[in-house]
Amino acid sequence: MTSTTIPKTQKAAQYHRADNAIHINTIPVPTPLDTDLLVKTVCSSLCRSDLMNFEANDIGLKLESDSPVTLGHEAAGVIVAIGDKTKGFKVVQEVGFLPATNCCYECEGCQVHQMWCEQGCKMPGHAADGFFQEYLAIDYRNAIVLPEGLTALEAAPLFCAGVTSYHGVEDCGLKPGQWMAIIGVGELGHLGDLRCTLDEAKECGADYTFNTKTDKDYVEKIKEITKGGCSAVVNYTNSKVAYERAPDVLRINGILMVVGLPQEPLVFNSMFIALRKFRVMGSSNKIPKELPEFVAFSAKHKIKSKIAYYKLEDINKMIDIMREGSFSGRVAVQFD
């Protein structure tokens, strides 16, 4: 393994089930496998699904033991060591990476999403240690070198929120002239639509914006504007009510794209699905072979998240900000 000087211990923000809280602990620097890159973390950003450790949920993001687990699954950094069996990477390169561990990368499940790997993928921050730590061991098959113009400090949110948002739109496969509605312009949705608030959405080119809490006749307005409804609705929120209302603005055989994750299961009318009144699809952070397309697109169009940076010791403050919804972007730790 090629390496630079690396400490034996590091600081990490870890979730403790015993008191349902986050603590800053000193833990060992991970020992990389021969297929791993050892990465010095430059930035790790907070995602709404990180908070599911604190909450009961029915969607499968649960801890597997009572041991403390390092929070987080969005990060980017710089390579400080390279395993003997890695390919295509060098020390000092800045990289981003998808959040998955213990994957084979070859089975049928891995070609759909790594969470379905036959050998049992583990989600960082939940079933495995996550990315709010100073050093990370990342399988090289999950990583990509950042292109010129995209730094690790800026790129962290792209590797969950960004890639998820991109495919939430791209995977609908709409053609020019078709209408798409995006629900949610907060910390995830602002990457999908490149907007942070309704005013900013208008400034960035959104044709129309609606506040569904105050625009009581928004369904009728949208159907009139689109001459029958949208061809796709992409929901970036975790609101079950938003999912229940989304089909109202779809035209016949339109797509309801599931991206945001409510804590409860979604329920759809089986007759509507069988008769193709609308279709249900889903999108998440995808698989490694699809990263080059997304990263190239992001670099070309200078797609970056609005980020507020903090120290690792501020992790609980960051969590409070996310819970309150007081910042319409990503909150992140900038490591020294």
Protein backbone atom coordinates (compact mmCIF):
# COMPACT_ATOMS: atom_id res chain seq x y z
CA MET A 1 0.00 0.00 0.00
CA THR A 2 1.39 3.40 -1.04
CA SER A 3 0.86 5.96 1.69
CA THR A 4 1.75 9.24 3.39
CA THR A 5 2.09 9.72 7.15
CA ILE A 6 -1.22 8.68 8.70
CA PRO A 7 -2.22 8.92 12.37
CA LYS A 8 -3.45 5.90 14.30
CA THR A 9 -6.53 7.61 15.77
CA GLN A 10 -9.05 10.20 14.63
CA LYS A 11 -12.15 12.12 15.73
CA ALA A 12 -15.60 10.92 14.66
CA ALA A 13 -19.21 11.99 15.26
CA GLN A 14 -20.94 8.84 16.45
CA TYR A 15 -24.55 7.97 17.18
CA HIS A 16 -25.14 6.22 20.52
CA ARG A 17 -28.32 4.21 20.82
CA ALA A 18 -28.06 4.22 24.62
CA ASP A 19 -28.98 7.92 24.88
CA ASN A 20 -30.18 8.50 21.29
CA ALA A 21 -27.55 11.19 20.82
CA ILE A 22 -24.40 12.08 18.91
CA HIS A 23 -21.02 12.25 20.65
CA ILE A 24 -17.55 13.14 19.36
CA ASN A 25 -15.32 10.13 20.02
CA THR A 26 -11.72 9.18 19.36
CA ILE A 27 -11.60 6.03 17.25
CA PRO A 28 -8.95 4.18 15.20
CA VAL A 29 -8.19 5.29 11.68
CA PRO A 30 -9.62 2.51 9.47
CA THR A 31 -7.31 -0.17 8.14
CA PRO A 32 -7.89 -0.29 4.35
CA LEU A 33 -8.30 -3.51 2.40
CA ASP A 34 -6.15 -4.07 -0.68
CA THR A 35 -9.06 -2.86 -2.85
CA ASP A 36 -9.51 0.31 -0.78
CA LEU A 37 -8.48 3.92 -1.03
CA LEU A 38 -7.66 5.57 2.28
CA VAL A 39 -9.17 9.03 1.99
CA LYS A 40 -8.55 12.09 4.16
CA THR A 41 -12.03 13.58 4.50
CA VAL A 42 -12.27 17.15 3.25
CA CYS A 43 -16.02 17.60 3.62
CA SER A 44 -18.90 15.50 4.95
CA SER A 45 -22.45 16.80 4.59
CA LEU A 46 -25.59 15.95 6.53
CA CYS A 47 -28.51 14.22 4.80
CA ARG A 48 -32.08 13.98 6.07
CA SER A 49 -31.87 10.19 6.12
CA ASP A 50 -28.99 10.45 8.64
CA LEU A 51 -31.59 11.52 11.17
CA MET A 52 -33.47 8.25 10.80
CA ASN A 53 -31.18 6.79 13.43
CA PHE A 54 -33.04 8.94 15.93
CA GLU A 55 -36.52 8.00 14.72
CA ALA A 56 -38.65 4.90 14.31
CA ASN A 57 -39.09 4.15 10.61
CA ASP A 58 -40.47 1.41 8.40
CA ILE A 59 -38.13 1.77 5.45
CA GLY A 60 -35.17 -0.31 6.54
CA LEU A 61 -32.61 2.26 7.72
CA LYS A 62 -31.92 0.78 11.13
CA LEU A 63 -28.95 0.09 13.34
CA GLU A 64 -27.74 -3.49 13.59
CA SER A 65 -26.14 -3.29 17.05
CA ASP A 66 -25.94 -1.20 20.21
CA SER A 67 -22.36 -0.16 19.48
CA PRO A 68 -21.75 3.50 18.54
CA VAL A 69 -21.83 4.06 14.79
CA THR A 70 -20.24 6.95 12.92
CA LEU A 71 -22.89 9.13 11.29
CA GLY A 72 -23.04 10.24 7.66
CA HIS A 73 -22.97 9.01 4.06
CA GLU A 74 -22.13 12.08 1.92
CA ALA A 75 -18.47 13.01 1.65
CA ALA A 76 -15.50 13.78 -0.56
CA GLY A 77 -11.80 13.91 0.16
CA VAL A 78 -8.21 13.42 -0.94
CA ILE A 79 -6.47 10.06 -1.34
CA VAL A 80 -3.62 9.48 1.13
CA ALA A 81 -3.03 5.75 0.54
CA ILE A 82 -3.81 3.23 -2.19
CA GLY A 83 -4.41 -0.50 -1.88
CA ASP A 84 -2.32 -2.89 -3.98
CA LYS A 85 -5.33 -4.09 -5.98
CA THR A 86 -6.83 -0.70 -6.78
CA LYS A 87 -6.86 0.60 -10.33
CA GLY A 88 -6.94 4.11 -11.81
CA PHE A 89 -6.18 6.20 -8.71
CA LYS A 90 -3.20 8.07 -7.29
CA VAL A 91 -2.29 9.59 -3.94
CA VAL A 92 -3.33 13.28 -3.62
CA GLN A 93 -6.21 12.96 -6.10
CA GLU A 94 -9.51 14.39 -4.86
CA VAL A 95 -12.38 11.89 -5.04
CA GLY A 96 -16.07 11.48 -4.41
CA PHE A 97 -17.76 8.15 -3.71
CA LEU A 98 -21.08 6.44 -3.28
CA PRO A 99 -22.24 5.37 0.19
CA ALA A 100 -22.11 1.58 0.23
CA THR A 101 -19.86 -1.01 1.87
CA ASN A 102 -19.44 -4.79 1.77
CA CYS A 103 -20.58 -5.02 -1.87
CA CYS A 104 -19.43 -7.50 -4.50
CA TYR A 105 -20.11 -5.08 -7.43
CA GLU A 106 -20.87 -8.05 -9.70
CA CYS A 107 -24.15 -9.71 -8.69
CA GLU A 108 -27.57 -9.01 -10.18
CA GLY A 109 -28.51 -6.86 -7.19
CA CYS A 110 -25.44 -4.66 -7.55
CA GLN A 111 -26.45 -3.83 -11.14
CA VAL A 112 -29.69 -2.29 -9.81
CA HIS A 113 -28.60 -0.80 -6.49
CA GLN A 114 -25.83 -1.87 -4.16
CA MET A 115 -28.27 -2.20 -1.27
CA TRP A 116 -29.49 -5.41 -2.94
CA CYS A 117 -26.04 -7.02 -3.13
CA GLU A 118 -26.27 -10.77 -2.59
CA GLN A 119 -23.51 -10.71 0.04
CA GLY A 120 -25.27 -8.05 2.11
CA CYS A 121 -24.39 -4.42 1.47
CA LYS A 122 -24.23 -2.16 4.55
CA MET A 123 -25.29 1.49 4.48
CA PRO A 124 -22.68 3.84 6.04
CA GLY A 125 -24.04 5.81 8.95
CA HIS A 126 -26.59 3.14 9.78
CA ALA A 127 -25.37 -0.46 9.51
CA ALA A 128 -21.71 0.53 9.14
CA ASP A 129 -19.52 3.44 10.19
CA GLY A 130 -20.22 6.48 8.09
CA PHE A 131 -18.39 9.55 6.87
CA PHE A 132 -18.30 12.06 9.74
CA GLN A 133 -14.74 11.01 10.54
CA GLU A 134 -11.34 12.32 9.49
CA TYR A 135 -10.25 9.29 7.44
CA LEU A 136 -12.30 6.85 5.34
CA ALA A 137 -11.56 3.49 3.73
CA ILE A 138 -13.40 3.48 0.40
CA ASP A 139 -13.50 0.65 -2.15
CA TYR A 140 -11.97 2.06 -5.32
CA ARG A 141 -14.86 0.66 -7.39
CA ASN A 142 -17.19 3.03 -5.56
CA ALA A 143 -15.08 6.15 -6.16
CA ILE A 144 -14.41 8.63 -8.93
CA VAL A 145 -11.71 11.27 -9.41
CA LEU A 146 -13.18 14.76 -9.32
CA PRO A 147 -12.78 16.70 -12.57
CA GLU A 148 -11.14 20.08 -12.86
CA GLY A 149 -13.35 22.81 -11.45
CA LEU A 150 -15.04 20.59 -8.87
CA THR A 151 -13.31 20.42 -5.49
CA ALA A 152 -13.82 17.95 -2.67
CA LEU A 153 -14.95 20.81 -0.42
CA GLU A 154 -17.82 21.55 -2.81
CA ALA A 155 -18.58 18.05 -4.06
CA ALA A 156 -19.64 16.14 -0.92
CA PRO A 157 -23.43 16.69 -1.31
CA LEU A 158 -23.29 15.54 -4.92
CA PHE A 159 -22.62 11.94 -3.91
CA CYS A 160 -26.00 11.33 -2.38
CA ALA A 161 -28.27 14.35 -2.76
CA GLY A 162 -26.82 15.37 -6.11
CA VAL A 163 -26.73 12.02 -7.88
CA THR A 164 -30.15 11.15 -6.44
CA SER A 165 -31.61 14.45 -7.63
CA TYR A 166 -30.06 14.09 -11.07
CA HIS A 167 -31.51 10.64 -11.64
CA GLY A 168 -34.84 11.67 -10.16
CA VAL A 169 -35.16 13.95 -13.18
CA GLU A 170 -33.13 12.08 -15.81
CA ASP A 171 -34.71 8.67 -15.22
CA CYS A 172 -38.17 10.01 -16.05
CA GLY A 173 -37.01 10.12 -19.68
CA LEU A 174 -39.11 13.13 -20.64
CA LYS A 175 -38.79 14.77 -24.02
CA PRO A 176 -38.58 18.49 -24.84
CA GLY A 177 -41.98 20.10 -24.47
CA GLN A 178 -43.22 17.76 -21.74
CA TRP A 179 -43.97 19.19 -18.30
CA MET A 180 -42.37 18.08 -15.03
CA ALA A 181 -43.39 19.13 -11.53
CA ILE A 182 -40.85 19.06 -8.71
CA ILE A 183 -42.15 18.83 -5.16
CA GLY A 184 -39.77 20.28 -2.62
CA VAL A 185 -37.09 22.93 -3.08
CA GLY A 186 -35.24 22.35 0.17
CA GLU A 187 -31.92 20.64 0.89
CA LEU A 188 -32.46 17.84 -1.66
CA GLY A 189 -34.92 19.40 -4.07
CA HIS A 190 -32.80 22.47 -4.60
CA LEU A 191 -30.26 20.25 -6.31
CA GLY A 192 -32.87 18.58 -8.48
CA ASP A 193 -34.29 21.88 -9.62
CA LEU A 194 -31.20 23.99 -8.89
CA ARG A 195 -33.32 26.27 -6.73
CA CYS A 196 -33.52 26.88 -2.98
CA THR A 197 -36.75 28.81 -2.46
CA LEU A 198 -39.77 29.61 -4.64
CA ASP A 199 -38.34 33.08 -5.37
CA GLU A 200 -34.99 31.60 -6.31
CA ALA A 201 -36.75 28.99 -8.41
CA LYS A 202 -38.32 31.76 -10.48
CA GLU A 203 -35.00 33.57 -10.78
CA CYS A 204 -33.31 30.36 -11.97
CA GLY A 205 -35.86 29.75 -14.69
CA ALA A 206 -38.78 27.79 -13.24
CA ASP A 207 -41.82 28.52 -15.40
CA TYR A 208 -44.26 28.43 -12.48
CA THR A 209 -44.07 27.93 -8.73
CA PHE A 210 -46.77 27.02 -6.22
CA ASN A 211 -46.98 26.85 -2.45
CA THR A 212 -49.39 23.96 -2.00
CA LYS A 213 -50.24 25.11 1.53
CA THR A 214 -51.53 28.49 0.37
CA ASP A 215 -52.43 27.90 -3.31
CA LYS A 216 -55.59 25.91 -2.70
CA ASP A 217 -56.39 25.65 -6.42
CA TYR A 218 -52.88 24.73 -7.53
CA VAL A 219 -54.11 21.47 -9.13
CA GLU A 220 -56.50 23.27 -11.44
CA LYS A 221 -53.88 25.91 -12.28
CA ILE A 222 -51.25 23.29 -13.15
CA LYS A 223 -53.64 21.31 -15.32
CA GLU A 224 -54.64 24.47 -17.16
CA ILE A 225 -51.04 25.56 -17.70
CA THR A 226 -49.93 22.11 -18.89
CA LYS A 227 -53.09 21.40 -20.87
CA GLY A 228 -54.00 18.27 -18.96
CA GLY A 229 -51.29 17.68 -16.38
CA CYS A 230 -47.59 16.94 -16.02
CA SER A 231 -45.85 13.99 -17.61
CA ALA A 232 -43.88 13.46 -14.41
CA VAL A 233 -43.91 14.54 -10.79
CA VAL A 234 -40.67 14.15 -8.83
CA ASN A 235 -41.10 14.27 -5.05
CA TYR A 236 -37.97 15.15 -3.09
CA THR A 237 -39.79 15.51 0.23
CA ASN A 238 -40.39 12.95 2.96
CA SER A 239 -44.05 13.98 3.17
CA LYS A 240 -46.56 11.15 2.82
CA VAL A 241 -49.28 13.74 2.12
CA ALA A 242 -47.21 15.11 -0.78
CA TYR A 243 -47.12 11.62 -2.30
CA GLU A 244 -50.85 11.19 -1.87
CA ARG A 245 -51.53 14.47 -3.68
CA ALA A 246 -48.90 14.14 -6.40
CA PRO A 247 -51.02 12.02 -8.81
CA ASP A 248 -53.59 14.84 -8.92
CA VAL A 249 -51.34 16.89 -11.21
CA LEU A 250 -50.29 14.02 -13.49
CA ARG A 251 -51.70 13.46 -16.93
CA ILE A 252 -52.83 9.94 -17.85
CA ASN A 253 -49.93 7.45 -17.69
CA GLY A 254 -47.67 10.06 -16.10
CA ILE A 255 -44.77 9.14 -13.83
CA LEU A 256 -44.70 9.57 -10.08
CA MET A 257 -41.00 9.50 -9.22
CA VAL A 258 -40.31 8.43 -5.64
CA VAL A 259 -37.16 10.05 -4.23
CA GLY A 260 -37.93 11.40 -0.75
CA LEU A 261 -38.43 8.77 1.95
CA PRO A 262 -41.39 9.11 4.33
CA GLN A 263 -41.13 7.18 7.58
CA GLU A 264 -44.31 5.28 6.75
CA PRO A 265 -45.07 3.02 3.76
CA LEU A 266 -46.77 4.61 0.76
CA VAL A 267 -50.15 3.31 -0.40
CA PHE A 268 -51.44 3.54 -3.98
CA ASN A 269 -54.74 2.51 -5.53
CA SER A 270 -53.99 -0.80 -7.26
CA MET A 271 -56.61 -0.19 -9.96
CA PHE A 272 -54.92 3.09 -10.92
CA ILE A 273 -51.61 1.26 -11.31
CA ALA A 274 -53.11 -1.70 -13.16
CA LEU A 275 -54.96 0.57 -15.60
CA ARG A 276 -51.91 2.84 -15.91
CA LYS A 277 -53.60 5.99 -14.73
CA PHE A 278 -50.09 6.74 -13.52
CA ARG A 279 -46.83 4.86 -13.12
CA VAL A 280 -44.65 4.69 -10.01
CA MET A 281 -40.87 4.77 -10.39
CA GLY A 282 -38.01 5.34 -7.97
CA SER A 283 -34.56 6.88 -7.93
CA SER A 284 -31.72 6.98 -5.46
CA ASN A 285 -27.95 7.38 -5.55
CA LYS A 286 -27.57 4.68 -8.23
CA ILE A 287 -24.50 2.53 -8.93
CA PRO A 288 -20.81 3.20 -9.65
CA LYS A 289 -20.91 2.69 -13.43
CA GLU A 290 -23.36 5.59 -13.71
CA LEU A 291 -21.18 8.05 -11.79
CA PRO A 292 -19.10 9.33 -14.75
CA GLU A 293 -22.16 10.61 -16.60
CA PHE A 294 -23.47 12.44 -13.54
CA VAL A 295 -20.12 13.90 -12.47
CA ALA A 296 -19.35 15.10 -16.00
CA PHE A 297 -22.80 16.72 -16.21
CA SER A 298 -22.33 18.42 -12.83
CA ALA A 299 -18.90 19.77 -13.75
CA LYS A 300 -20.00 20.96 -17.20
CA HIS A 301 -23.01 22.84 -15.85
CA LYS A 302 -21.26 23.96 -12.63
CA ILE A 303 -23.90 22.33 -10.44
CA LYS A 304 -23.06 22.90 -6.80
CA SER A 305 -25.05 22.81 -3.61
CA LYS A 306 -25.55 25.76 -1.33
CA ILE A 307 -23.49 24.70 1.69
CA ALA A 308 -23.01 26.09 5.21
CA TYR A 309 -19.77 24.77 6.74
CA TYR A 310 -19.17 23.84 10.38
CA LYS A 311 -16.64 22.06 12.58
CA LEU A 312 -17.11 18.41 13.55
CA GLU A 313 -17.86 19.53 17.11
CA ASP A 314 -20.90 21.43 15.73
CA ILE A 315 -22.64 18.27 14.53
CA ASN A 316 -25.55 18.60 16.97
CA LYS A 317 -26.07 22.21 15.90
CA MET A 318 -26.16 21.02 12.29
CA ILE A 319 -28.78 18.42 13.18
CA ASP A 320 -30.92 21.09 14.85
CA ILE A 321 -30.68 23.29 11.75
CA MET A 322 -31.83 20.43 9.54
CA ARG A 323 -34.70 19.53 11.84
CA GLU A 324 -35.86 23.15 11.98
CA GLY A 325 -35.53 23.61 8.22
CA SER A 326 -33.86 26.96 8.83
CA PHE A 327 -31.35 26.59 5.97
CA SER A 328 -32.36 25.71 2.42
CA GLY A 329 -29.21 23.91 1.42
CA ARG A 330 -26.71 21.46 2.86
CA VAL A 331 -24.99 21.78 6.24
CA ALA A 332 -21.55 20.16 6.26
CA VAL A 333 -18.40 19.61 8.24
CA GLN A 334 -15.24 21.07 6.73
CA PHE A 335 -12.33 19.05 8.07
CA ASP A 336 -8.92 20.60 8.78
